[in-house]
Amino acid sequence: MAEGQDDYRAHMETYTSFNKLVTFTLLWIVLILVSMALGLVGHMSILALLLGVGGSVALLVAFAVLG
């Protein structure tokens, strides 16, 4: 019976890690798309560059600290 509980904990840890990875990936893709839209359509290339680089760093730091 203890083996089943260990398997459940391992599955929950894997599920949580995968969920964080998917969330990070989706947020990063949205950030890149918004930066591209600002740069290409909005003609605000400097703001798009700052948002893209700063947002990527912020996402990495946030997921590293909160993870």
C-alpha atoms as a PDB file:
ATOM      1  CA  MET A   1       0.000   0.000   0.000  1.00  0.00           C
ATOM      2  CA  ALA A   2       2.887   2.365   0.714  1.00  0.00           C
ATOM      3  CA  GLU A   3       4.137   1.854  -2.822  1.00  0.00           C
ATOM      4  CA  GLY A   4       0.886   3.245  -4.207  1.00  0.00           C
ATOM      5  CA  GLN A   5       1.215   6.353  -2.058  1.00  0.00           C
ATOM      6  CA  ASP A   6       4.784   6.883  -3.279  1.00  0.00           C
ATOM      7  CA  ASP A   7       3.603   6.559  -6.871  1.00  0.00           C
ATOM      8  CA  TYR A   8       0.860   9.110  -6.245  1.00  0.00           C
ATOM      9  CA  ARG A   9       3.354  11.625  -4.822  1.00  0.00           C
ATOM     10  CA  ALA A  10       5.694  11.103  -7.767  1.00  0.00           C
ATOM     11  CA  HIS A  11       2.838  11.568 -10.236  1.00  0.00           C
ATOM     12  CA  MET A  12       1.686  14.745  -8.472  1.00  0.00           C
ATOM     13  CA  GLU A  13       5.217  16.190  -8.558  1.00  0.00           C
ATOM     14  CA  THR A  14       5.496  15.366 -12.259  1.00  0.00           C
ATOM     15  CA  TYR A  15       2.073  16.859 -12.977  1.00  0.00           C
ATOM     16  CA  THR A  16       2.916  20.043 -11.070  1.00  0.00           C
ATOM     17  CA  SER A  17       6.247  20.424 -12.859  1.00  0.00           C
ATOM     18  CA  PHE A  18       4.647  19.850 -16.255  1.00  0.00           C
ATOM     19  CA  ASN A  19       1.891  22.348 -15.424  1.00  0.00           C
ATOM     20  CA  LYS A  20       4.488  25.007 -14.553  1.00  0.00           C
ATOM     21  CA  LEU A  21       6.389  24.306 -17.771  1.00  0.00           C
ATOM     22  CA  VAL A  22       3.258  24.640 -19.916  1.00  0.00           C
ATOM     23  CA  THR A  23       2.237  27.856 -18.124  1.00  0.00           C
ATOM     24  CA  PHE A  24       5.699  29.354 -18.614  1.00  0.00           C
ATOM     25  CA  THR A  25       5.726  28.386 -22.299  1.00  0.00           C
ATOM     26  CA  LEU A  26       2.305  29.875 -22.984  1.00  0.00           C
ATOM     27  CA  LEU A  27       3.150  33.122 -21.185  1.00  0.00           C
ATOM     28  CA  TRP A  28       6.449  33.412 -23.036  1.00  0.00           C
ATOM     29  CA  ILE A  29       4.802  32.816 -26.440  1.00  0.00           C
ATOM     30  CA  VAL A  30       2.181  35.484 -25.689  1.00  0.00           C
ATOM     31  CA  LEU A  31       4.931  37.892 -24.613  1.00  0.00           C
ATOM     32  CA  ILE A  32       6.873  37.323 -27.834  1.00  0.00           C
ATOM     33  CA  LEU A  33       3.760  37.749 -29.972  1.00  0.00           C
ATOM     34  CA  VAL A  34       2.860  41.005 -28.213  1.00  0.00           C
ATOM     35  CA  SER A  35       6.408  42.284 -28.667  1.00  0.00           C
ATOM     36  CA  MET A  36       6.332  41.396 -32.348  1.00  0.00           C
ATOM     37  CA  ALA A  37       2.970  43.102 -32.783  1.00  0.00           C
ATOM     38  CA  LEU A  38       4.234  46.266 -31.105  1.00  0.00           C
ATOM     39  CA  GLY A  39       7.350  46.304 -33.241  1.00  0.00           C
ATOM     40  CA  LEU A  40       5.869  45.396 -36.595  1.00  0.00           C
ATOM     41  CA  VAL A  41       2.325  46.755 -36.526  1.00  0.00           C
ATOM     42  CA  GLY A  42       2.602  49.483 -33.898  1.00  0.00           C
ATOM     43  CA  HIS A  43       5.974  50.813 -35.125  1.00  0.00           C
ATOM     44  CA  MET A  44       7.261  51.025 -31.544  1.00  0.00           C
ATOM     45  CA  SER A  45      10.416  48.987 -31.958  1.00  0.00           C
ATOM     46  CA  ILE A  46      12.286  50.279 -28.903  1.00  0.00           C
ATOM     47  CA  LEU A  47       9.317  49.609 -26.614  1.00  0.00           C
ATOM     48  CA  ALA A  48       8.870  46.166 -28.184  1.00  0.00           C
ATOM     49  CA  LEU A  49      12.531  45.343 -27.631  1.00  0.00           C
ATOM     50  CA  LEU A  50      12.440  46.475 -24.010  1.00  0.00           C
ATOM     51  CA  LEU A  51       9.200  44.598 -23.387  1.00  0.00           C
ATOM     52  CA  GLY A  52      10.523  41.437 -25.007  1.00  0.00           C
ATOM     53  CA  VAL A  53      13.854  41.353 -23.211  1.00  0.00           C
ATOM     54  CA  GLY A  54      12.557  42.678 -19.889  1.00  0.00           C
ATOM     55  CA  GLY A  55       9.522  40.436 -19.947  1.00  0.00           C
ATOM     56  CA  SER A  56      11.591  37.359 -20.732  1.00  0.00           C
ATOM     57  CA  VAL A  57      13.953  38.103 -17.869  1.00  0.00           C
ATOM     58  CA  ALA A  58      11.015  38.791 -15.550  1.00  0.00           C
ATOM     59  CA  LEU A  59       9.351  35.496 -16.520  1.00  0.00           C
ATOM     60  CA  LEU A  60      12.558  33.539 -15.950  1.00  0.00           C
ATOM     61  CA  VAL A  61      13.157  35.151 -12.568  1.00  0.00           C
ATOM     62  CA  ALA A  62       9.537  34.761 -11.484  1.00  0.00           C
ATOM     63  CA  PHE A  63       9.385  31.070 -12.351  1.00  0.00           C
ATOM     64  CA  ALA A  64      12.807  30.446 -10.808  1.00  0.00           C
ATOM     65  CA  VAL A  65      11.867  32.140  -7.539  1.00  0.00           C
ATOM     66  CA  LEU A  66       8.306  30.841  -7.327  1.00  0.00           C
ATOM     67  CA  GLY A  67       9.226  27.347  -8.502  1.00  0.00           C
END
